[in-house]
Amino acid sequence: MLERYILTTTGPQATTSPLIEANLIMLVKPSVDEISQVCDTFDLEKLTFKFHSSPEEVSRFHTTTSTVMNNPQLLVVYDFVPELATIEQQLTPVIIVFDSQRAIICTDNRAIKANDFPANNVTSFIIAYLDQCQDNLSTALMSYKPEIDKLDKVARTTINNACLRKLTDLTRHIVFFYHTMNDQGETLDAFLKSPTIADISQESRLNIQIQQRRLNKAIHIFRDLLDSIGSLFTAMMDSNLNNLMKFLDSAGIVIAVAALISGFMGMNVGGLPWKSAGYGFAMIIGLTAIVTIILALYLRKKKYLK
C-alpha cells in the first residue's frame, strides 16, 4: 500500500498530489510495483527496499544517493508486529529514507498510522515514529516476563516436554531480540548524533536513548533468567538420572545376593544343611528371602535409593 501525505502545522494530511510533491510517503507492505514507482520517482537504488520484510536486513544509518532528494539519509530500525506468526516475521525492519523536505518510510506494520503523530516536519515525524517502534518492542518484550516467571516456578518442581519446548521457544525469541537490538543500539547512537536532526530537542534524543537502554537491559536480564532455568532443568535431569542409577545398582546388588545364596545352597556338595530334608527347598527360599529383605532395608537406610 502506497500512501502520500503533506506535513502541515496540524500534522500529516493525506493528499492525492504526485509523489514528488508529497512530504511523507508511507510504503506499508508494498508491492514490487509500488517500490519501483517510489525508487524511480526519487532516483533511489531498488536494493534499498529489497529486504523490507526479511530478518536478514540489518539496522544501519548512512548517507545514500539520489539526484532528486537533497543529501538523503538511510535509517533502518526494527519494529514489532504481534499479529504475524513467527519471531522472524514479528521483528520487522523499518526502512526510512529522508532529507530535510521529505521522508519515505517502508514497513510491514499496518497498525501505525501517519495521522497518529502531530508532527509538522520530517525530523519530528521520524522521532515520533521511532518512539512508537520502541514502545512496540518494549511491549512485546515485557509480555515474555510472565511466561518466564511461570516457567521458572514450574521448573522448580517438575520437568516435562511442554516446559522444555516452552523454554526453547522463549530462548529463541530472546536470541532474536538480543542480536537485533545490539545492531539497533549502535544505529540509533549514530542517528541521534547526526547533524541532520539538529533541530530535535535534547529531551527527545534522551528519550530514544533511554528506551533503547531499557530494551537492552531487559533483554540481558531475560536471557540470563532463561539460562538459569535451562541450567536448573539440566541439574534436575542429572539428579533424576543419578537416582535411577542408584536404584538400579541397589536392585542389582539385592538380586545378586539372592542368586548367590540360592545358587550356593543348591550345589551338590556334602555337608550342606537340609541336603536330604524334604523341606530343604522351602528353607532355602525362606533364608534367601530373609537375607534379601535385610539387605534391601540396609540399603534403604543408607539412602542409596534416594
C-alpha atoms as a PDB file:
ATOM      1  CA  MET A   1       0.000   0.000   0.000  1.00  0.00           C
ATOM      2  CA  LEU A   2       1.351   3.389  -1.045  1.00  0.00           C
ATOM      3  CA  GLU A   3       0.197   6.435   0.917  1.00  0.00           C
ATOM      4  CA  ARG A   4       1.267  10.048   0.491  1.00  0.00           C
ATOM      5  CA  TYR A   5       0.929  12.981   2.875  1.00  0.00           C
ATOM      6  CA  ILE A   6       1.653  16.675   3.191  1.00  0.00           C
ATOM      7  CA  LEU A   7       3.111  17.775   6.531  1.00  0.00           C
ATOM      8  CA  THR A   8       1.136  20.735   7.888  1.00  0.00           C
ATOM      9  CA  THR A   9       1.117  22.654  11.155  1.00  0.00           C
ATOM     10  CA  THR A  10      -1.548  20.259  12.445  1.00  0.00           C
ATOM     11  CA  GLY A  11       0.258  17.113  11.319  1.00  0.00           C
ATOM     12  CA  PRO A  12       0.263  14.849   8.245  1.00  0.00           C
ATOM     13  CA  GLN A  13      -2.623  15.301   5.818  1.00  0.00           C
ATOM     14  CA  ALA A  14      -3.376  12.734   3.128  1.00  0.00           C
ATOM     15  CA  THR A  15      -3.003  14.018  -0.408  1.00  0.00           C
ATOM     16  CA  THR A  16      -3.567  12.864  -3.971  1.00  0.00           C
ATOM     17  CA  SER A  17      -0.772  15.047  -5.308  1.00  0.00           C
ATOM     18  CA  PRO A  18       2.033  13.445  -7.331  1.00  0.00           C
ATOM     19  CA  LEU A  19       4.639  11.577  -5.284  1.00  0.00           C
ATOM     20  CA  ILE A  20       7.281  14.190  -5.961  1.00  0.00           C
ATOM     21  CA  GLU A  21       5.169  16.839  -4.176  1.00  0.00           C
ATOM     22  CA  ALA A  22       4.495  14.784  -1.033  1.00  0.00           C
ATOM     23  CA  ASN A  23       6.446  15.356   2.193  1.00  0.00           C
ATOM     24  CA  LEU A  24       5.734  11.892   3.573  1.00  0.00           C
ATOM     25  CA  ILE A  25       5.423   8.634   1.640  1.00  0.00           C
ATOM     26  CA  MET A  26       4.334   5.509   3.507  1.00  0.00           C
ATOM     27  CA  LEU A  27       5.019   2.111   1.947  1.00  0.00           C
ATOM     28  CA  VAL A  28       3.022  -0.373   4.029  1.00  0.00           C
ATOM     29  CA  LYS A  29       3.552  -3.983   2.926  1.00  0.00           C
ATOM     30  CA  PRO A  30       4.349  -2.612  -0.518  1.00  0.00           C
ATOM     31  CA  SER A  31       4.177  -4.500  -3.777  1.00  0.00           C
ATOM     32  CA  VAL A  32       7.104  -4.684  -6.169  1.00  0.00           C
ATOM     33  CA  ASP A  33       5.413  -2.152  -8.454  1.00  0.00           C
ATOM     34  CA  GLU A  34       4.935   0.321  -5.597  1.00  0.00           C
ATOM     35  CA  ILE A  35       8.589   0.044  -4.593  1.00  0.00           C
ATOM     36  CA  SER A  36       9.661   0.544  -8.209  1.00  0.00           C
ATOM     37  CA  GLN A  37       7.414   3.599  -8.504  1.00  0.00           C
ATOM     38  CA  VAL A  38       8.961   5.255  -5.454  1.00  0.00           C
ATOM     39  CA  CYS A  39      12.525   4.347  -6.449  1.00  0.00           C
ATOM     40  CA  ASP A  40      12.009   5.667  -9.972  1.00  0.00           C
ATOM     41  CA  THR A  41      10.390   8.897  -8.752  1.00  0.00           C
ATOM     42  CA  PHE A  42      13.149   9.723  -6.278  1.00  0.00           C
ATOM     43  CA  ASP A  43      16.057   8.054  -8.097  1.00  0.00           C
ATOM     44  CA  LEU A  44      16.727   5.566  -5.311  1.00  0.00           C
ATOM     45  CA  GLU A  45      18.575   2.280  -5.620  1.00  0.00           C
ATOM     46  CA  LYS A  46      15.970  -0.503  -5.800  1.00  0.00           C
ATOM     47  CA  LEU A  47      18.057  -2.619  -3.417  1.00  0.00           C
ATOM     48  CA  THR A  48      17.253  -0.061  -0.716  1.00  0.00           C
ATOM     49  CA  PHE A  49      13.913  -1.747  -0.014  1.00  0.00           C
ATOM     50  CA  LYS A  50      14.794  -5.284  -1.117  1.00  0.00           C
ATOM     51  CA  PHE A  51      14.836  -6.725   2.420  1.00  0.00           C
ATOM     52  CA  HIS A  52      11.910  -4.715   3.819  1.00  0.00           C
ATOM     53  CA  SER A  53      10.208  -7.928   5.034  1.00  0.00           C
ATOM     54  CA  SER A  54      13.278 -10.006   5.742  1.00  0.00           C
ATOM     55  CA  PRO A  55      15.067 -10.819   9.033  1.00  0.00           C
ATOM     56  CA  GLU A  56      18.328 -10.644   7.054  1.00  0.00           C
ATOM     57  CA  GLU A  57      18.045  -6.857   6.955  1.00  0.00           C
ATOM     58  CA  VAL A  58      20.480  -5.070   9.277  1.00  0.00           C
ATOM     59  CA  SER A  59      19.974  -1.917  11.294  1.00  0.00           C
ATOM     60  CA  ARG A  60      22.110   0.943   9.976  1.00  0.00           C
ATOM     61  CA  PHE A  61      22.337   4.683   9.348  1.00  0.00           C
ATOM     62  CA  HIS A  62      24.263   6.287   6.496  1.00  0.00           C
ATOM     63  CA  THR A  63      24.011   8.611   3.524  1.00  0.00           C
ATOM     64  CA  THR A  64      22.502   7.217   0.330  1.00  0.00           C
ATOM     65  CA  THR A  65      22.406   8.508  -3.240  1.00  0.00           C
ATOM     66  CA  SER A  66      19.676  10.326  -5.166  1.00  0.00           C
ATOM     67  CA  THR A  67      19.574  13.068  -7.792  1.00  0.00           C
ATOM     68  CA  VAL A  68      16.110  14.122  -6.642  1.00  0.00           C
ATOM     69  CA  MET A  69      16.476  14.262  -2.850  1.00  0.00           C
ATOM     70  CA  ASN A  70      18.969  16.588  -1.156  1.00  0.00           C
ATOM     71  CA  ASN A  71      21.707  14.569   0.602  1.00  0.00           C
ATOM     72  CA  PRO A  72      19.303  11.768   1.623  1.00  0.00           C
ATOM     73  CA  GLN A  73      19.941   9.639   4.706  1.00  0.00           C
ATOM     74  CA  LEU A  74      19.058   5.965   5.068  1.00  0.00           C
ATOM     75  CA  LEU A  75      17.921   4.755   8.505  1.00  0.00           C
ATOM     76  CA  VAL A  76      16.956   1.132   9.192  1.00  0.00           C
ATOM     77  CA  VAL A  77      15.490   0.211  12.586  1.00  0.00           C
ATOM     78  CA  TYR A  78      13.172  -2.530  13.815  1.00  0.00           C
ATOM     79  CA  ASP A  79       9.528  -2.641  14.820  1.00  0.00           C
ATOM     80  CA  PHE A  80       7.403  -5.439  16.295  1.00  0.00           C
ATOM     81  CA  VAL A  81       4.194  -6.734  14.692  1.00  0.00           C
ATOM     82  CA  PRO A  82       2.466  -9.188  17.101  1.00  0.00           C
ATOM     83  CA  GLU A  83      -0.127 -10.264  14.528  1.00  0.00           C
ATOM     84  CA  LEU A  84       2.480 -12.117  12.473  1.00  0.00           C
ATOM     85  CA  ALA A  85       3.203 -15.794  13.087  1.00  0.00           C
ATOM     86  CA  THR A  86       6.906 -16.205  13.878  1.00  0.00           C
ATOM     87  CA  ILE A  87       9.527 -14.123  15.658  1.00  0.00           C
ATOM     88  CA  GLU A  88      11.369 -13.686  12.341  1.00  0.00           C
ATOM     89  CA  GLN A  89       8.279 -12.015  10.879  1.00  0.00           C
ATOM     90  CA  GLN A  90       7.301 -10.149  14.045  1.00  0.00           C
ATOM     91  CA  LEU A  91      10.647  -8.364  14.286  1.00  0.00           C
ATOM     92  CA  THR A  92      10.186  -6.429  11.078  1.00  0.00           C
ATOM     93  CA  PRO A  93      12.565  -3.802   9.657  1.00  0.00           C
ATOM     94  CA  VAL A  94      11.509  -0.206   9.095  1.00  0.00           C
ATOM     95  CA  ILE A  95      13.415   1.447   6.249  1.00  0.00           C
ATOM     96  CA  ILE A  96      13.429   5.243   6.277  1.00  0.00           C
ATOM     97  CA  VAL A  97      14.933   7.418   3.544  1.00  0.00           C
ATOM     98  CA  PHE A  98      14.752  11.135   4.305  1.00  0.00           C
ATOM     99  CA  ASP A  99      16.146  14.568   3.680  1.00  0.00           C
ATOM    100  CA  SER A 100      15.140  17.962   5.051  1.00  0.00           C
ATOM    101  CA  GLN A 101      11.959  18.101   2.949  1.00  0.00           C
ATOM    102  CA  ARG A 102      10.548  14.591   2.753  1.00  0.00           C
ATOM    103  CA  ALA A 103      10.625  11.117   4.251  1.00  0.00           C
ATOM    104  CA  ILE A 104       9.918   7.717   2.736  1.00  0.00           C
ATOM    105  CA  ILE A 105       9.021   5.022   5.269  1.00  0.00           C
ATOM    106  CA  CYS A 106       8.717   1.344   4.319  1.00  0.00           C
ATOM    107  CA  THR A 107       7.236  -1.029   6.903  1.00  0.00           C
ATOM    108  CA  ASP A 108       5.100  -4.150   7.353  1.00  0.00           C
ATOM    109  CA  ASN A 109       3.256  -2.716  10.357  1.00  0.00           C
ATOM    110  CA  ARG A 110      -0.256  -1.689   9.337  1.00  0.00           C
ATOM    111  CA  ALA A 111      -1.142  -0.589  12.894  1.00  0.00           C
ATOM    112  CA  ILE A 112       0.964   2.587  12.850  1.00  0.00           C
ATOM    113  CA  LYS A 113      -0.812   5.386  11.018  1.00  0.00           C
ATOM    114  CA  ALA A 114       0.795   8.615   9.866  1.00  0.00           C
ATOM    115  CA  ASN A 115      -2.105  10.586  11.319  1.00  0.00           C
ATOM    116  CA  ASP A 116      -1.215   9.286  14.805  1.00  0.00           C
ATOM    117  CA  PHE A 117       1.688  11.748  15.004  1.00  0.00           C
ATOM    118  CA  PRO A 118       1.036  15.519  15.176  1.00  0.00           C
ATOM    119  CA  ALA A 119       4.388  16.308  13.571  1.00  0.00           C
ATOM    120  CA  ASN A 120       4.811  19.311  11.287  1.00  0.00           C
ATOM    121  CA  ASN A 121       8.256  18.497   9.863  1.00  0.00           C
ATOM    122  CA  VAL A 122      10.224  15.500   8.697  1.00  0.00           C
ATOM    123  CA  THR A 123      12.631  15.050  11.617  1.00  0.00           C
ATOM    124  CA  SER A 124       9.959  15.394  14.314  1.00  0.00           C
ATOM    125  CA  PHE A 125       7.825  12.821  12.481  1.00  0.00           C
ATOM    126  CA  ILE A 126      10.741  10.374  12.317  1.00  0.00           C
ATOM    127  CA  ILE A 127      11.479  10.825  16.026  1.00  0.00           C
ATOM    128  CA  ALA A 128       7.801  10.198  16.889  1.00  0.00           C
ATOM    129  CA  TYR A 129       7.760   7.141  14.632  1.00  0.00           C
ATOM    130  CA  LEU A 130      10.914   5.742  16.262  1.00  0.00           C
ATOM    131  CA  ASP A 131       9.392   6.308  19.685  1.00  0.00           C
ATOM    132  CA  GLN A 132       6.335   4.265  18.677  1.00  0.00           C
ATOM    133  CA  CYS A 133       8.521   1.459  17.307  1.00  0.00           C
ATOM    134  CA  GLN A 134      10.417   1.282  20.593  1.00  0.00           C
ATOM    135  CA  ASP A 135       7.128   1.188  22.521  1.00  0.00           C
ATOM    136  CA  ASN A 136       6.036  -1.761  20.371  1.00  0.00           C
ATOM    137  CA  LEU A 137       9.323  -3.566  21.009  1.00  0.00           C
ATOM    138  CA  SER A 138       9.150  -2.902  24.750  1.00  0.00           C
ATOM    139  CA  THR A 139       5.539  -4.125  24.994  1.00  0.00           C
ATOM    140  CA  ALA A 140       6.396  -7.321  23.137  1.00  0.00           C
ATOM    141  CA  LEU A 141       9.496  -7.949  25.236  1.00  0.00           C
ATOM    142  CA  MET A 142       7.746  -7.392  28.565  1.00  0.00           C
ATOM    143  CA  SER A 143       4.987  -9.809  27.515  1.00  0.00           C
ATOM    144  CA  TYR A 144       7.575 -12.600  27.869  1.00  0.00           C
ATOM    145  CA  LYS A 145       8.164 -11.828  31.569  1.00  0.00           C
ATOM    146  CA  PRO A 146       5.033 -13.623  32.943  1.00  0.00           C
ATOM    147  CA  GLU A 147       5.872 -16.652  30.790  1.00  0.00           C
ATOM    148  CA  ILE A 148       9.440 -16.720  32.112  1.00  0.00           C
ATOM    149  CA  ASP A 149       8.196 -16.410  35.713  1.00  0.00           C
ATOM    150  CA  LYS A 150       5.697 -19.232  35.176  1.00  0.00           C
ATOM    151  CA  LEU A 151       8.368 -21.423  33.609  1.00  0.00           C
ATOM    152  CA  ASP A 152      10.735 -20.687  36.500  1.00  0.00           C
ATOM    153  CA  LYS A 153       8.065 -21.733  39.025  1.00  0.00           C
ATOM    154  CA  VAL A 154       7.284 -24.957  37.181  1.00  0.00           C
ATOM    155  CA  ALA A 155      10.987 -25.765  36.706  1.00  0.00           C
ATOM    156  CA  ARG A 156      11.474 -25.920  40.489  1.00  0.00           C
ATOM    157  CA  THR A 157       9.015 -28.796  40.879  1.00  0.00           C
ATOM    158  CA  THR A 158       8.894 -30.872  37.710  1.00  0.00           C
ATOM    159  CA  ILE A 159      10.299 -31.497  34.254  1.00  0.00           C
ATOM    160  CA  ASN A 160       8.135 -32.244  31.241  1.00  0.00           C
ATOM    161  CA  ASN A 161       8.296 -31.918  27.482  1.00  0.00           C
ATOM    162  CA  ALA A 162       5.923 -28.945  27.441  1.00  0.00           C
ATOM    163  CA  CYS A 163       8.252 -26.968  29.719  1.00  0.00           C
ATOM    164  CA  LEU A 164      11.290 -27.812  27.627  1.00  0.00           C
ATOM    165  CA  ARG A 165       9.506 -26.773  24.418  1.00  0.00           C
ATOM    166  CA  LYS A 166       8.407 -23.508  26.032  1.00  0.00           C
ATOM    167  CA  LEU A 167      11.953 -22.841  27.225  1.00  0.00           C
ATOM    168  CA  THR A 168      13.255 -23.408  23.704  1.00  0.00           C
ATOM    169  CA  ASP A 169      10.664 -21.059  22.173  1.00  0.00           C
ATOM    170  CA  LEU A 170      11.330 -18.261  24.673  1.00  0.00           C
ATOM    171  CA  THR A 171      15.086 -18.617  24.278  1.00  0.00           C
ATOM    172  CA  ARG A 172      14.697 -18.385  20.515  1.00  0.00           C
ATOM    173  CA  HIS A 173      12.643 -15.194  20.819  1.00  0.00           C
ATOM    174  CA  ILE A 174      15.133 -13.580  23.192  1.00  0.00           C
ATOM    175  CA  VAL A 175      18.071 -14.510  20.947  1.00  0.00           C
ATOM    176  CA  PHE A 176      16.412 -12.727  18.010  1.00  0.00           C
ATOM    177  CA  PHE A 177      15.746  -9.694  20.213  1.00  0.00           C
ATOM    178  CA  TYR A 178      19.305  -9.739  21.534  1.00  0.00           C
ATOM    179  CA  HIS A 179      21.042  -9.623  18.165  1.00  0.00           C
ATOM    180  CA  THR A 180      18.528  -7.216  16.644  1.00  0.00           C
ATOM    181  CA  MET A 181      18.796  -4.709  19.490  1.00  0.00           C
ATOM    182  CA  ASN A 182      22.593  -4.926  19.541  1.00  0.00           C
ATOM    183  CA  ASP A 183      22.673  -3.600  15.979  1.00  0.00           C
ATOM    184  CA  GLN A 184      19.924  -1.073  16.603  1.00  0.00           C
ATOM    185  CA  GLY A 185      21.652   0.474  19.634  1.00  0.00           C
ATOM    186  CA  GLU A 186      24.680   1.465  17.565  1.00  0.00           C
ATOM    187  CA  THR A 187      22.461   2.717  14.742  1.00  0.00           C
ATOM    188  CA  LEU A 188      20.391   4.961  16.989  1.00  0.00           C
ATOM    189  CA  ASP A 189      23.521   6.389  18.606  1.00  0.00           C
ATOM    190  CA  ALA A 190      24.834   7.379  15.177  1.00  0.00           C
ATOM    191  CA  PHE A 191      21.449   8.774  14.117  1.00  0.00           C
ATOM    192  CA  LEU A 192      20.976  10.882  17.259  1.00  0.00           C
ATOM    193  CA  LYS A 193      24.451  12.403  16.857  1.00  0.00           C
ATOM    194  CA  SER A 194      23.809  13.284  13.221  1.00  0.00           C
ATOM    195  CA  PRO A 195      23.557  16.982  12.275  1.00  0.00           C
ATOM    196  CA  THR A 196      20.547  16.114  10.108  1.00  0.00           C
ATOM    197  CA  ILE A 197      18.361  16.149  13.245  1.00  0.00           C
ATOM    198  CA  ALA A 198      19.960  19.164  14.894  1.00  0.00           C
ATOM    199  CA  ASP A 199      16.522  20.746  15.394  1.00  0.00           C
ATOM    200  CA  ILE A 200      15.345  17.895  17.647  1.00  0.00           C
ATOM    201  CA  SER A 201      15.298  18.699  21.364  1.00  0.00           C
ATOM    202  CA  GLN A 202      17.739  17.097  23.771  1.00  0.00           C
ATOM    203  CA  GLU A 203      14.795  15.677  25.702  1.00  0.00           C
ATOM    204  CA  SER A 204      13.546  13.776  22.639  1.00  0.00           C
ATOM    205  CA  ARG A 205      17.026  12.417  21.973  1.00  0.00           C
ATOM    206  CA  LEU A 206      17.419  11.270  25.571  1.00  0.00           C
ATOM    207  CA  ASN A 207      14.018   9.602  25.468  1.00  0.00           C
ATOM    208  CA  ILE A 208      15.048   7.478  22.471  1.00  0.00           C
ATOM    209  CA  GLN A 209      18.389   6.599  24.071  1.00  0.00           C
ATOM    210  CA  ILE A 210      16.847   5.670  27.423  1.00  0.00           C
ATOM    211  CA  GLN A 211      14.189   3.494  25.811  1.00  0.00           C
ATOM    212  CA  GLN A 212      16.899   1.659  23.889  1.00  0.00           C
ATOM    213  CA  ARG A 213      18.949   1.130  27.064  1.00  0.00           C
ATOM    214  CA  ARG A 214      15.876  -0.236  28.835  1.00  0.00           C
ATOM    215  CA  LEU A 215      15.292  -2.645  25.977  1.00  0.00           C
ATOM    216  CA  ASN A 216      18.900  -3.853  26.087  1.00  0.00           C
ATOM    217  CA  LYS A 217      18.796  -4.273  29.868  1.00  0.00           C
ATOM    218  CA  ALA A 218      15.535  -6.243  29.778  1.00  0.00           C
ATOM    219  CA  ILE A 219      16.899  -8.494  27.041  1.00  0.00           C
ATOM    220  CA  HIS A 220      20.051  -9.289  29.044  1.00  0.00           C
ATOM    221  CA  ILE A 221      18.027  -9.973  32.207  1.00  0.00           C
ATOM    222  CA  PHE A 222      15.571 -12.258  30.403  1.00  0.00           C
ATOM    223  CA  ARG A 223      18.383 -14.085  28.660  1.00  0.00           C
ATOM    224  CA  ASP A 224      20.155 -14.729  31.980  1.00  0.00           C
ATOM    225  CA  LEU A 225      16.884 -15.901  33.557  1.00  0.00           C
ATOM    226  CA  LEU A 226      16.321 -18.377  30.741  1.00  0.00           C
ATOM    227  CA  ASP A 227      19.916 -19.590  31.082  1.00  0.00           C
ATOM    228  CA  SER A 228      19.369 -20.197  34.802  1.00  0.00           C
ATOM    229  CA  ILE A 229      16.120 -22.065  34.108  1.00  0.00           C
ATOM    230  CA  GLY A 230      17.885 -24.185  31.491  1.00  0.00           C
ATOM    231  CA  SER A 231      20.656 -24.939  33.983  1.00  0.00           C
ATOM    232  CA  LEU A 232      18.051 -25.920  36.578  1.00  0.00           C
ATOM    233  CA  PHE A 233      16.396 -28.295  34.117  1.00  0.00           C
ATOM    234  CA  THR A 234      19.773 -29.847  33.323  1.00  0.00           C
ATOM    235  CA  ALA A 235      20.649 -30.254  37.006  1.00  0.00           C
ATOM    236  CA  MET A 236      17.275 -31.833  37.767  1.00  0.00           C
ATOM    237  CA  MET A 237      17.610 -34.276  34.885  1.00  0.00           C
ATOM    238  CA  ASP A 238      21.122 -35.196  36.037  1.00  0.00           C
ATOM    239  CA  SER A 239      19.813 -35.714  39.582  1.00  0.00           C
ATOM    240  CA  ASN A 240      16.950 -37.904  38.381  1.00  0.00           C
ATOM    241  CA  LEU A 241      19.351 -39.927  36.265  1.00  0.00           C
ATOM    242  CA  ASN A 242      21.703 -40.372  39.234  1.00  0.00           C
ATOM    243  CA  ASN A 243      18.786 -41.536  41.415  1.00  0.00           C
ATOM    244  CA  LEU A 244      17.766 -44.017  38.749  1.00  0.00           C
ATOM    245  CA  MET A 245      21.295 -45.386  38.525  1.00  0.00           C
ATOM    246  CA  LYS A 246      21.470 -45.719  42.326  1.00  0.00           C
ATOM    247  CA  PHE A 247      18.201 -47.618  42.304  1.00  0.00           C
ATOM    248  CA  LEU A 248      19.363 -49.936  39.532  1.00  0.00           C
ATOM    249  CA  ASP A 249      22.700 -50.560  41.276  1.00  0.00           C
ATOM    250  CA  SER A 250      20.951 -51.323  44.577  1.00  0.00           C
ATOM    251  CA  ALA A 251      18.436 -53.589  42.879  1.00  0.00           C
ATOM    252  CA  GLY A 252      21.299 -55.389  41.157  1.00  0.00           C
ATOM    253  CA  ILE A 253      23.056 -55.962  44.500  1.00  0.00           C
ATOM    254  CA  VAL A 254      19.885 -57.365  46.112  1.00  0.00           C
ATOM    255  CA  ILE A 255      19.193 -59.698  43.192  1.00  0.00           C
ATOM    256  CA  ALA A 256      22.822 -60.821  43.038  1.00  0.00           C
ATOM    257  CA  VAL A 257      22.880 -61.727  46.767  1.00  0.00           C
ATOM    258  CA  ALA A 258      19.657 -63.718  46.429  1.00  0.00           C
ATOM    259  CA  ALA A 259      21.054 -65.564  43.418  1.00  0.00           C
ATOM    260  CA  LEU A 260      24.331 -66.219  45.220  1.00  0.00           C
ATOM    261  CA  ILE A 261      22.623 -67.778  48.273  1.00  0.00           C
ATOM    262  CA  SER A 262      20.233 -69.922  46.292  1.00  0.00           C
ATOM    263  CA  GLY A 263      22.968 -70.991  43.888  1.00  0.00           C
ATOM    264  CA  PHE A 264      25.405 -71.851  46.664  1.00  0.00           C
ATOM    265  CA  MET A 265      22.859 -73.854  48.649  1.00  0.00           C
ATOM    266  CA  GLY A 266      21.782 -75.671  45.528  1.00  0.00           C
ATOM    267  CA  MET A 267      25.245 -77.111  44.877  1.00  0.00           C
ATOM    268  CA  ASN A 268      25.595 -80.884  45.207  1.00  0.00           C
ATOM    269  CA  VAL A 269      28.177 -80.691  47.996  1.00  0.00           C
ATOM    270  CA  GLY A 270      28.138 -82.884  51.078  1.00  0.00           C
ATOM    271  CA  GLY A 271      27.711 -81.341  54.481  1.00  0.00           C
ATOM    272  CA  LEU A 272      25.314 -78.584  53.482  1.00  0.00           C
ATOM    273  CA  PRO A 273      22.266 -78.264  55.752  1.00  0.00           C
ATOM    274  CA  TRP A 274      18.899 -79.627  54.649  1.00  0.00           C
ATOM    275  CA  LYS A 275      20.525 -81.559  51.814  1.00  0.00           C
ATOM    276  CA  SER A 276      18.293 -84.577  52.242  1.00  0.00           C
ATOM    277  CA  ALA A 277      15.385 -82.907  54.061  1.00  0.00           C
ATOM    278  CA  GLY A 278      12.011 -82.819  52.358  1.00  0.00           C
ATOM    279  CA  TYR A 279      11.530 -79.239  53.346  1.00  0.00           C
ATOM    280  CA  GLY A 280      15.033 -78.182  52.232  1.00  0.00           C
ATOM    281  CA  PHE A 281      13.838 -76.200  49.190  1.00  0.00           C
ATOM    282  CA  ALA A 282      11.383 -74.193  51.296  1.00  0.00           C
ATOM    283  CA  MET A 283      14.091 -73.487  53.855  1.00  0.00           C
ATOM    284  CA  ILE A 284      16.467 -72.194  51.159  1.00  0.00           C
ATOM    285  CA  ILE A 285      13.747 -69.949  49.736  1.00  0.00           C
ATOM    286  CA  GLY A 286      12.934 -68.619  53.176  1.00  0.00           C
ATOM    287  CA  LEU A 287      16.583 -67.956  54.021  1.00  0.00           C
ATOM    288  CA  THR A 288      17.120 -66.211  50.699  1.00  0.00           C
ATOM    289  CA  ALA A 289      14.052 -64.027  51.251  1.00  0.00           C
ATOM    290  CA  ILE A 290      15.160 -63.059  54.787  1.00  0.00           C
ATOM    291  CA  VAL A 291      18.685 -62.124  53.723  1.00  0.00           C
ATOM    292  CA  THR A 292      17.356 -60.218  50.688  1.00  0.00           C
ATOM    293  CA  ILE A 293      14.900 -58.221  52.800  1.00  0.00           C
ATOM    294  CA  ILE A 294      17.566 -57.387  55.409  1.00  0.00           C
ATOM    295  CA  LEU A 295      19.932 -56.223  52.666  1.00  0.00           C
ATOM    296  CA  ALA A 296      17.221 -54.138  50.980  1.00  0.00           C
ATOM    297  CA  LEU A 297      16.353 -52.450  54.285  1.00  0.00           C
ATOM    298  CA  TYR A 298      20.032 -51.776  54.929  1.00  0.00           C
ATOM    299  CA  LEU A 299      20.494 -50.174  51.512  1.00  0.00           C
ATOM    300  CA  ARG A 300      17.384 -48.086  52.026  1.00  0.00           C
ATOM    301  CA  LYS A 301      18.640 -46.932  55.412  1.00  0.00           C
ATOM    302  CA  LYS A 302      21.946 -45.941  53.787  1.00  0.00           C
ATOM    303  CA  LYS A 303      19.867 -43.731  51.390  1.00  0.00           C
ATOM    304  CA  TYR A 304      21.197 -45.376  48.294  1.00  0.00           C
ATOM    305  CA  LEU A 305      17.697 -45.245  46.829  1.00  0.00           C
ATOM    306  CA  LYS A 306      17.096 -41.512  47.464  1.00  0.00           C
END
